[in-house]
Amino acid sequence: MKQYLLAVQFDESAPSPPAEEVREQMARTGKVTDEMRAAGTWVFVGGLLPSHATTVVRPGNGTITMTDGPFAETKEQLGGFWVIRCDDLDQALSWAEKCALACGAPIEVRPFEDAQGE
């Protein structure tokens, strides 16, 4: 089975939703995660703090620099993710649909590179 990253993309320029909406969203995404576990698809899930909490470690000219904030200047940032095991991309996309509906945000589906470099 291949592994896929289902990455939640949040628009950090949009106003934060009310606390009740966030609780409802977390309940919906928790149900999808439970469904993945029951199906034997789930590998790992994680939510991330906003991009202002990041530190970028960048190599250059034999030295390392560290800067606060995201590497890319964009309003959409990675907000969380699932790592799942699926037979194929179609199955991963089916889970991504459920995730997108649950969290109300775009989901990027990206396969992991396997040992043979596929």
N, C-alpha and C. Protein backbone atom coordinates (compact mmCIF):
# COMPACT_ATOMS: atom_id res chain seq x y z
N MET A 1 0.84 -1.19 0.00
CA MET A 1 0.00 0.00 0.00
C MET A 1 0.87 1.24 0.00
N LYS A 2 0.42 2.24 -0.69
CA LYS A 2 1.12 3.53 -0.72
C LYS A 2 0.66 4.39 0.44
N GLN A 3 1.52 5.32 0.84
CA GLN A 3 1.14 6.29 1.85
C GLN A 3 0.92 7.64 1.18
N TYR A 4 -0.06 8.38 1.70
CA TYR A 4 -0.41 9.69 1.17
C TYR A 4 -0.47 10.69 2.31
N LEU A 5 -0.09 11.92 2.00
CA LEU A 5 -0.24 13.03 2.92
C LEU A 5 -1.48 13.79 2.49
N LEU A 6 -2.42 13.96 3.40
CA LEU A 6 -3.59 14.80 3.15
C LEU A 6 -3.35 16.08 3.95
N ALA A 7 -2.96 17.13 3.27
CA ALA A 7 -2.55 18.37 3.92
C ALA A 7 -3.69 19.38 3.92
N VAL A 8 -4.03 19.89 5.08
CA VAL A 8 -5.09 20.88 5.24
C VAL A 8 -4.49 22.26 4.97
N GLN A 9 -5.09 22.99 4.04
CA GLN A 9 -4.62 24.34 3.69
C GLN A 9 -5.57 25.37 4.28
N PHE A 10 -5.06 26.22 5.17
CA PHE A 10 -5.87 27.27 5.78
C PHE A 10 -5.42 28.63 5.27
N ASP A 11 -6.39 29.52 5.10
CA ASP A 11 -6.13 30.90 4.70
C ASP A 11 -5.91 31.71 5.97
N GLU A 12 -4.66 32.02 6.27
CA GLU A 12 -4.35 32.73 7.50
C GLU A 12 -4.74 34.20 7.45
N SER A 13 -5.11 34.72 6.27
CA SER A 13 -5.52 36.11 6.18
C SER A 13 -7.01 36.27 6.52
N ALA A 14 -7.74 35.16 6.57
CA ALA A 14 -9.16 35.21 6.90
C ALA A 14 -9.34 35.35 8.41
N PRO A 15 -10.43 35.97 8.85
CA PRO A 15 -10.66 36.08 10.29
C PRO A 15 -10.83 34.70 10.92
N SER A 16 -10.41 34.57 12.17
CA SER A 16 -10.57 33.30 12.89
C SER A 16 -12.05 33.02 13.10
N PRO A 17 -12.46 31.76 12.92
CA PRO A 17 -13.87 31.43 13.15
C PRO A 17 -14.20 31.46 14.65
N PRO A 18 -15.47 31.60 14.99
CA PRO A 18 -15.86 31.57 16.39
C PRO A 18 -15.48 30.23 17.04
N ALA A 19 -15.27 30.25 18.36
CA ALA A 19 -14.84 29.06 19.09
C ALA A 19 -15.80 27.89 18.88
N GLU A 20 -17.09 28.13 18.85
CA GLU A 20 -18.06 27.05 18.66
C GLU A 20 -17.87 26.39 17.30
N GLU A 21 -17.61 27.19 16.28
CA GLU A 21 -17.37 26.64 14.94
C GLU A 21 -16.11 25.78 14.92
N VAL A 22 -15.08 26.22 15.62
CA VAL A 22 -13.84 25.44 15.70
C VAL A 22 -14.10 24.11 16.40
N ARG A 23 -14.87 24.13 17.50
CA ARG A 23 -15.20 22.88 18.21
C ARG A 23 -15.96 21.92 17.30
N GLU A 24 -16.91 22.44 16.54
CA GLU A 24 -17.68 21.60 15.61
C GLU A 24 -16.77 21.01 14.53
N GLN A 25 -15.88 21.83 14.02
CA GLN A 25 -14.92 21.38 13.01
C GLN A 25 -14.04 20.27 13.57
N MET A 26 -13.55 20.45 14.77
CA MET A 26 -12.69 19.43 15.39
C MET A 26 -13.47 18.13 15.62
N ALA A 27 -14.73 18.23 15.98
CA ALA A 27 -15.56 17.03 16.16
C ALA A 27 -15.74 16.30 14.83
N ARG A 28 -15.99 17.06 13.76
CA ARG A 28 -16.16 16.43 12.44
C ARG A 28 -14.87 15.76 11.98
N THR A 29 -13.74 16.45 12.13
CA THR A 29 -12.47 15.86 11.69
C THR A 29 -12.10 14.66 12.56
N GLY A 30 -12.45 14.71 13.84
CA GLY A 30 -12.22 13.56 14.72
C GLY A 30 -12.99 12.34 14.26
N LYS A 31 -14.21 12.55 13.79
CA LYS A 31 -15.02 11.43 13.28
C LYS A 31 -14.38 10.82 12.03
N VAL A 32 -13.86 11.67 11.14
CA VAL A 32 -13.19 11.16 9.94
C VAL A 32 -11.95 10.36 10.34
N THR A 33 -11.18 10.88 11.30
CA THR A 33 -9.99 10.16 11.78
C THR A 33 -10.39 8.82 12.37
N ASP A 34 -11.46 8.79 13.17
CA ASP A 34 -11.94 7.51 13.73
C ASP A 34 -12.34 6.53 12.63
N GLU A 35 -12.97 7.06 11.58
CA GLU A 35 -13.37 6.22 10.44
C GLU A 35 -12.13 5.65 9.73
N MET A 36 -11.09 6.48 9.60
CA MET A 36 -9.84 6.01 8.99
C MET A 36 -9.22 4.90 9.82
N ARG A 37 -9.22 5.09 11.14
CA ARG A 37 -8.66 4.06 12.03
C ARG A 37 -9.42 2.75 11.87
N ALA A 38 -10.74 2.82 11.87
CA ALA A 38 -11.57 1.63 11.74
C ALA A 38 -11.34 0.92 10.41
N ALA A 39 -11.03 1.69 9.36
CA ALA A 39 -10.79 1.12 8.04
C ALA A 39 -9.37 0.60 7.88
N GLY A 40 -8.50 0.87 8.86
CA GLY A 40 -7.11 0.43 8.75
C GLY A 40 -6.28 1.31 7.84
N THR A 41 -6.76 2.51 7.54
CA THR A 41 -6.09 3.44 6.63
C THR A 41 -5.18 4.41 7.37
N TRP A 42 -5.57 4.79 8.58
CA TRP A 42 -4.90 5.83 9.35
C TRP A 42 -3.48 5.44 9.73
N VAL A 43 -2.54 6.38 9.60
CA VAL A 43 -1.17 6.20 10.06
C VAL A 43 -0.87 7.24 11.14
N PHE A 44 -1.18 8.51 10.86
CA PHE A 44 -0.84 9.60 11.78
C PHE A 44 -1.66 10.83 11.41
N VAL A 45 -1.95 11.64 12.41
CA VAL A 45 -2.65 12.91 12.18
C VAL A 45 -2.03 13.96 13.08
N GLY A 46 -2.01 15.21 12.63
CA GLY A 46 -1.47 16.28 13.46
C GLY A 46 -1.98 17.64 13.02
N GLY A 47 -2.23 18.48 13.99
CA GLY A 47 -2.57 19.87 13.73
C GLY A 47 -1.34 20.72 14.00
N LEU A 48 -1.25 21.84 13.31
CA LEU A 48 -0.09 22.71 13.44
C LEU A 48 -0.50 24.09 13.95
N LEU A 49 0.39 24.73 14.68
CA LEU A 49 0.18 26.11 15.08
C LEU A 49 0.28 27.00 13.84
N PRO A 50 -0.22 28.23 13.90
CA PRO A 50 -0.13 29.14 12.75
C PRO A 50 1.32 29.37 12.32
N SER A 51 1.48 29.85 11.10
CA SER A 51 2.83 29.99 10.52
C SER A 51 3.70 30.98 11.28
N HIS A 52 3.12 31.91 12.04
CA HIS A 52 3.95 32.84 12.79
C HIS A 52 4.77 32.12 13.87
N ALA A 53 4.41 30.87 14.18
CA ALA A 53 5.15 30.09 15.19
C ALA A 53 6.32 29.33 14.58
N THR A 54 6.52 29.44 13.27
CA THR A 54 7.58 28.67 12.61
C THR A 54 8.93 29.36 12.69
N THR A 55 9.96 28.54 12.57
CA THR A 55 11.32 29.01 12.38
C THR A 55 11.86 28.29 11.15
N VAL A 56 12.40 29.03 10.22
CA VAL A 56 12.96 28.45 9.00
C VAL A 56 14.47 28.35 9.16
N VAL A 57 15.00 27.14 8.96
CA VAL A 57 16.44 26.88 9.01
C VAL A 57 16.89 26.74 7.56
N ARG A 58 17.75 27.68 7.10
CA ARG A 58 18.09 27.77 5.69
C ARG A 58 19.60 27.67 5.50
N PRO A 59 20.06 26.69 4.66
CA PRO A 59 21.49 26.61 4.37
C PRO A 59 21.87 27.58 3.26
N GLY A 60 23.11 28.04 3.29
CA GLY A 60 23.59 28.91 2.22
C GLY A 60 25.05 29.27 2.43
N ASN A 61 25.84 29.05 1.41
CA ASN A 61 27.26 29.39 1.45
C ASN A 61 27.99 28.76 2.64
N GLY A 62 27.63 27.52 2.96
CA GLY A 62 28.30 26.80 4.03
C GLY A 62 27.88 27.21 5.43
N THR A 63 26.86 28.06 5.53
CA THR A 63 26.37 28.47 6.85
C THR A 63 24.87 28.23 6.94
N ILE A 64 24.36 28.41 8.12
CA ILE A 64 22.93 28.25 8.37
C ILE A 64 22.40 29.57 8.92
N THR A 65 21.25 30.00 8.39
CA THR A 65 20.55 31.13 8.98
C THR A 65 19.20 30.64 9.48
N MET A 66 18.72 31.25 10.54
CA MET A 66 17.41 30.93 11.09
C MET A 66 16.59 32.19 11.14
N THR A 67 15.38 32.10 10.58
CA THR A 67 14.48 33.26 10.58
C THR A 67 13.11 32.84 11.07
N ASP A 68 12.41 33.77 11.66
CA ASP A 68 11.05 33.51 12.11
C ASP A 68 10.10 33.59 10.93
N GLY A 69 9.02 32.85 11.05
CA GLY A 69 7.95 32.92 10.06
C GLY A 69 8.09 31.92 8.94
N PRO A 70 7.10 31.88 8.07
CA PRO A 70 7.08 30.87 7.01
C PRO A 70 8.12 31.15 5.93
N PHE A 71 8.52 30.11 5.23
CA PHE A 71 9.45 30.23 4.11
C PHE A 71 8.77 30.94 2.95
N ALA A 72 7.54 30.53 2.65
CA ALA A 72 6.81 31.10 1.52
C ALA A 72 5.92 32.25 1.99
N GLU A 73 5.90 33.32 1.22
CA GLU A 73 5.01 34.43 1.52
C GLU A 73 3.69 34.17 0.81
N THR A 74 2.76 33.58 1.52
CA THR A 74 1.46 33.25 0.98
C THR A 74 0.44 33.29 2.09
N LYS A 75 -0.81 33.54 1.75
CA LYS A 75 -1.82 33.58 2.80
C LYS A 75 -2.29 32.19 3.18
N GLU A 76 -2.15 31.19 2.28
CA GLU A 76 -2.51 29.82 2.61
C GLU A 76 -1.30 29.11 3.19
N GLN A 77 -1.50 28.48 4.33
CA GLN A 77 -0.44 27.77 5.02
C GLN A 77 -0.94 26.39 5.42
N LEU A 78 -0.01 25.49 5.67
CA LEU A 78 -0.34 24.16 6.15
C LEU A 78 -0.89 24.27 7.57
N GLY A 79 -2.11 23.78 7.77
CA GLY A 79 -2.74 23.89 9.08
C GLY A 79 -2.77 22.58 9.85
N GLY A 80 -2.64 21.48 9.15
CA GLY A 80 -2.67 20.16 9.76
C GLY A 80 -2.58 19.11 8.67
N PHE A 81 -2.58 17.85 9.08
CA PHE A 81 -2.41 16.80 8.08
C PHE A 81 -2.82 15.44 8.61
N TRP A 82 -3.10 14.55 7.69
CA TRP A 82 -3.25 13.13 7.96
C TRP A 82 -2.22 12.41 7.11
N VAL A 83 -1.66 11.34 7.61
CA VAL A 83 -0.87 10.41 6.80
C VAL A 83 -1.69 9.13 6.78
N ILE A 84 -1.99 8.64 5.58
CA ILE A 84 -2.84 7.46 5.44
C ILE A 84 -2.20 6.45 4.50
N ARG A 85 -2.65 5.19 4.60
CA ARG A 85 -2.24 4.12 3.68
C ARG A 85 -3.44 3.77 2.81
N CYS A 86 -3.24 3.75 1.51
CA CYS A 86 -4.32 3.43 0.58
C CYS A 86 -3.79 2.55 -0.55
N ASP A 87 -4.71 1.85 -1.19
CA ASP A 87 -4.33 1.02 -2.33
C ASP A 87 -3.90 1.87 -3.51
N ASP A 88 -4.54 3.04 -3.68
CA ASP A 88 -4.25 3.87 -4.86
C ASP A 88 -4.70 5.31 -4.62
N LEU A 89 -4.42 6.17 -5.58
CA LEU A 89 -4.76 7.58 -5.48
C LEU A 89 -6.27 7.79 -5.36
N ASP A 90 -7.05 7.01 -6.08
CA ASP A 90 -8.50 7.18 -6.01
C ASP A 90 -9.03 6.99 -4.59
N GLN A 91 -8.49 6.00 -3.89
CA GLN A 91 -8.90 5.78 -2.51
C GLN A 91 -8.46 6.95 -1.63
N ALA A 92 -7.25 7.46 -1.85
CA ALA A 92 -6.77 8.62 -1.08
C ALA A 92 -7.64 9.84 -1.35
N LEU A 93 -8.04 10.04 -2.59
CA LEU A 93 -8.90 11.18 -2.94
C LEU A 93 -10.28 11.07 -2.28
N SER A 94 -10.77 9.85 -2.15
CA SER A 94 -12.04 9.64 -1.47
C SER A 94 -11.95 10.07 0.00
N TRP A 95 -10.84 9.72 0.66
CA TRP A 95 -10.64 10.17 2.04
C TRP A 95 -10.47 11.69 2.08
N ALA A 96 -9.77 12.25 1.10
CA ALA A 96 -9.57 13.70 1.07
C ALA A 96 -10.89 14.45 0.96
N GLU A 97 -11.83 13.90 0.21
CA GLU A 97 -13.16 14.52 0.11
C GLU A 97 -13.81 14.60 1.49
N LYS A 98 -13.74 13.50 2.24
CA LYS A 98 -14.33 13.48 3.59
C LYS A 98 -13.63 14.49 4.49
N CYS A 99 -12.31 14.57 4.37
CA CYS A 99 -11.54 15.51 5.19
C CYS A 99 -11.89 16.95 4.85
N ALA A 100 -12.01 17.26 3.57
CA ALA A 100 -12.34 18.62 3.14
C ALA A 100 -13.72 19.03 3.66
N LEU A 101 -14.68 18.12 3.57
CA LEU A 101 -16.01 18.43 4.09
C LEU A 101 -15.99 18.60 5.60
N ALA A 102 -15.20 17.79 6.29
CA ALA A 102 -15.15 17.84 7.75
C ALA A 102 -14.52 19.13 8.26
N CYS A 103 -13.41 19.54 7.63
CA CYS A 103 -12.71 20.71 8.16
C CYS A 103 -13.04 21.99 7.42
N GLY A 104 -13.74 21.90 6.30
CA GLY A 104 -14.14 23.10 5.57
C GLY A 104 -12.99 23.84 4.94
N ALA A 105 -11.93 23.10 4.59
CA ALA A 105 -10.73 23.73 4.01
C ALA A 105 -10.21 22.85 2.87
N PRO A 106 -9.47 23.43 1.94
CA PRO A 106 -8.87 22.63 0.87
C PRO A 106 -7.91 21.59 1.44
N ILE A 107 -7.86 20.45 0.77
CA ILE A 107 -6.96 19.36 1.15
C ILE A 107 -6.06 19.05 -0.03
N GLU A 108 -4.76 19.13 0.19
CA GLU A 108 -3.78 18.74 -0.83
C GLU A 108 -3.45 17.28 -0.60
N VAL A 109 -3.51 16.47 -1.66
CA VAL A 109 -3.19 15.05 -1.57
C VAL A 109 -1.85 14.83 -2.25
N ARG A 110 -0.91 14.28 -1.50
CA ARG A 110 0.42 14.08 -2.05
C ARG A 110 0.93 12.70 -1.67
N PRO A 111 1.28 11.87 -2.69
CA PRO A 111 1.82 10.54 -2.37
C PRO A 111 3.24 10.64 -1.84
N PHE A 112 3.58 9.74 -0.92
CA PHE A 112 4.95 9.62 -0.47
C PHE A 112 5.73 8.88 -1.55
N GLU A 113 6.99 9.20 -1.67
CA GLU A 113 7.87 8.47 -2.58
C GLU A 113 8.13 7.10 -1.96
N ASP A 114 7.99 6.05 -2.77
CA ASP A 114 8.26 4.73 -2.22
C ASP A 114 9.71 4.33 -2.43
N ALA A 115 10.06 3.17 -1.95
CA ALA A 115 11.47 2.71 -2.00
C ALA A 115 11.99 2.60 -3.43
N GLN A 116 11.10 2.37 -4.39
CA GLN A 116 11.53 2.25 -5.78
C GLN A 116 11.53 3.59 -6.50
N GLY A 117 11.19 4.67 -5.79
CA GLY A 117 11.24 6.00 -6.39
C GLY A 117 10.03 6.35 -7.22
N GLU A 118 8.90 5.64 -7.03
CA GLU A 118 7.70 5.95 -7.78
C GLU A 118 7.09 7.25 -7.34
